[in-house]
Protein backbone atom coordinates (compact mmCIF):
# COMPACT_ATOMS: atom_id res chain seq x y z
CA MET A 1 0.00 0.00 0.00
CA VAL A 2 2.80 2.45 0.84
CA THR A 3 6.48 2.38 -0.03
CA VAL A 4 9.44 2.98 2.24
CA ALA A 5 9.91 6.25 0.34
CA ASP A 6 6.26 7.21 1.02
CA LEU A 7 6.81 6.65 4.75
CA GLY A 8 10.10 8.56 4.84
CA ILE A 9 11.93 5.44 6.03
CA LEU A 10 14.20 5.47 2.97
CA ARG A 11 16.89 8.00 3.81
CA SER A 12 19.39 7.69 1.00
CA ILE A 13 20.69 5.62 -1.88
CA THR A 14 24.35 6.02 -2.78
CA VAL A 15 27.03 4.15 -4.68
CA CYS A 16 30.16 3.36 -2.71
CA ASN A 17 33.02 1.24 -4.10
CA GLY A 18 30.73 -0.22 -6.76
CA SER A 19 28.01 -1.22 -4.28
CA LEU A 20 24.57 0.30 -3.92
CA VAL A 21 24.20 1.47 -0.31
CA VAL A 22 20.65 2.00 0.90
CA THR A 23 20.14 3.74 4.24
CA ILE A 24 16.88 3.40 6.14
CA THR A 25 15.57 4.78 9.44
CA PRO A 26 12.86 2.95 11.41
CA THR A 27 9.75 4.72 12.64
CA TYR A 28 10.76 3.49 16.12
CA SER A 29 14.22 2.31 17.16
CA GLY A 30 12.76 -1.08 18.12
CA CYS A 31 10.61 -1.47 14.99
CA PRO A 32 9.94 -5.20 14.58
CA ALA A 33 9.51 -4.79 10.80
CA LEU A 34 12.97 -3.29 10.22
CA THR A 35 14.73 -6.60 9.57
CA GLU A 36 12.06 -7.62 7.06
CA ILE A 37 12.14 -4.20 5.37
CA ALA A 38 15.93 -4.41 4.98
CA ARG A 39 15.73 -7.99 3.67
CA ASP A 40 13.00 -7.05 1.17
CA LEU A 41 14.93 -4.00 -0.09
CA HIS A 42 18.09 -6.06 -0.51
CA GLY A 43 16.26 -8.83 -2.37
CA ARG A 44 14.29 -6.58 -4.70
CA LEU A 45 17.27 -4.41 -5.62
CA THR A 46 19.45 -7.46 -6.18
CA GLU A 47 16.75 -9.11 -8.35
CA ALA A 48 16.56 -5.89 -10.39
CA GLY A 49 20.26 -6.28 -11.18
CA LEU A 50 21.36 -3.33 -9.06
CA GLY A 51 23.72 -5.36 -6.86
CA PRO A 52 25.86 -5.69 -4.99
CA VAL A 53 23.54 -4.10 -2.43
CA ALA A 54 24.11 -3.15 1.20
CA VAL A 55 21.23 -1.97 3.39
CA GLN A 56 22.21 -0.05 6.49
CA THR A 57 20.19 1.47 9.32
CA THR A 58 20.67 4.85 10.91
CA LEU A 59 18.84 6.10 13.98
CA SER A 60 20.02 9.70 13.85
CA PRO A 61 18.33 11.93 13.21
CA ALA A 62 15.32 10.07 14.53
CA TRP A 63 12.45 9.48 12.11
CA THR A 64 9.53 11.88 12.29
CA SER A 65 6.05 11.44 10.86
CA ASP A 66 6.63 14.75 9.07
CA TRP A 67 8.78 12.70 6.64
CA ILE A 68 5.69 10.86 5.34
CA THR A 69 4.99 12.24 1.87
CA ALA A 70 1.65 13.70 0.79
CA GLU A 71 1.21 10.66 -1.45
CA GLY A 72 1.99 8.37 1.49
CA ARG A 73 -0.64 10.12 3.62
CA SER A 74 -3.20 9.72 0.83
CA LYS A 75 -2.36 6.02 0.45
CA LEU A 76 -2.70 5.45 4.19
CA ALA A 77 -6.13 7.11 4.26
CA ALA A 78 -7.27 5.17 1.17
CA ALA A 79 -6.33 1.94 2.98
CA GLY A 80 -8.36 2.93 6.06
CA VAL A 81 -5.44 4.10 8.23
CA ALA A 82 -5.70 7.63 9.60
CA PRO A 83 -2.52 9.44 8.57
CA PRO A 84 -0.74 11.51 11.19
CA GLY A 85 -1.09 15.25 11.42
CA PRO A 86 2.05 17.32 11.58
CA ALA A 87 4.37 16.55 14.48
CA ARG A 88 4.01 19.20 17.14
CA SER A 89 6.74 21.84 17.06
CA GLY A 90 9.82 20.85 18.98
CA LEU A 91 8.86 17.19 19.45
CA ALA A 92 10.17 15.36 16.43
CA GLY A 93 13.54 13.79 17.13
CA ASN A 94 14.14 15.67 20.38
CA GLY A 95 13.85 12.90 22.93
CA PRO A 96 11.09 11.73 25.25
CA VAL A 97 7.90 13.72 25.47
CA PRO A 98 5.67 13.65 28.54
CA LEU A 99 2.14 12.62 27.62
CA THR A 100 -0.89 13.65 29.61
CA MET A 101 -4.38 12.45 28.88
CA SER A 102 -7.36 14.67 29.47
CA PRO A 103 -10.99 13.75 28.91
CA GLY A 104 -12.37 14.16 25.42
CA PRO A 105 -16.00 14.88 24.57
CA GLY A 106 -18.40 13.44 27.12
CA GLY A 107 -15.55 12.87 29.59
CA ARG A 108 -14.16 9.97 27.57
CA PRO A 109 -10.40 9.87 26.93
CA GLY A 110 -9.02 9.86 23.42
CA GLY A 111 -11.41 12.15 21.57
CA ALA A 112 -10.94 15.70 20.37
CA GLY A 113 -9.15 17.73 22.99
CA THR A 114 -6.93 14.92 24.26
CA ALA A 115 -3.77 16.56 25.57
CA GLY A 116 -4.54 19.56 23.37
CA LEU A 117 -4.12 17.52 20.19
CA PRO A 118 -6.41 17.95 17.19
CA ALA A 119 -9.12 15.36 16.64
CA VAL A 120 -8.27 12.30 14.56
CA ARG A 121 -10.65 11.99 11.62
CA CYS A 122 -12.11 8.64 10.68
CA PRO A 123 -10.56 7.58 7.35
CA LEU A 124 -13.81 5.80 6.45
CA CYS A 125 -16.50 8.47 7.01
CA GLY A 126 -14.44 11.60 7.79
CA SER A 127 -15.97 12.23 11.22
CA ALA A 128 -13.80 13.88 13.86
CA ASP A 129 -15.80 12.15 16.61
CA THR A 130 -13.36 9.30 17.26
CA GLU A 131 -11.96 7.70 20.38
CA LEU A 132 -8.72 6.00 21.28
CA THR A 133 -9.27 2.33 22.13
CA ALA A 134 -5.62 1.21 22.43
CA ALA A 135 -2.40 3.23 22.44
CA PHE A 136 -0.68 0.60 20.32
CA SER A 137 -1.81 -1.47 17.35
CA GLY A 138 0.06 -4.22 15.51
CA THR A 139 3.10 -1.93 15.64
CA ALA A 140 4.20 0.78 18.07
CA CYS A 141 3.85 3.45 15.37
CA LYS A 142 0.07 2.98 15.19
CA ALA A 143 -2.82 3.26 17.64
CA LEU A 144 -6.30 1.74 17.51
CA ARG A 145 -9.32 4.04 17.35
CA ARG A 146 -13.06 3.77 16.86
CA CYS A 147 -15.34 6.20 15.10
CA ARG A 148 -18.34 7.20 17.19
CA SER A 149 -20.25 8.22 14.04
CA CYS A 150 -19.95 5.08 11.88
CA SER A 151 -18.86 2.75 14.74
CA GLU A 152 -15.99 1.34 12.67
CA PRO A 153 -12.58 0.63 14.20
CA PHE A 154 -9.49 1.91 12.42
CA GLU A 155 -5.77 2.34 12.90
CA GLN A 156 -4.11 5.72 13.32
CA PHE A 157 -0.50 6.29 12.30
CA LYS A 158 0.93 8.34 15.19
CA ALA A 159 2.43 11.79 14.74
CA LEU A 160 5.98 11.83 16.09
């Protein structure tokens, strides 16, 4: 659905001593998909005849959701995953951020107004009346939400 370039994970492609060197940055330093992403990149580039190929990982600067391209955001939404809004000023790549939860509409956590963050729109119906159901989804870079308007669950790619 999205490419590593769409997600901003692909940092650079260079040629060094006759080898193609691909540098990637995970969305989280402990991303469980990173090994598979590196293996897939290596295999596909080698199959395309672009070898020898070396895939390396860099953690600095840390990935930020601001690196997701406009096309990547559109692809996420089309697949039913709420794309992240812009990372809040001063947060991306600058270390731990304290998180406080305040009640959303109706006193329920996770809706509009949570910690002063903008509402997350449902990628299915567009409603801003959504609630957080789990801080983490299948990966740490996504959360689980539910739309109060259409009652459908969906994943949200977190803004970092």
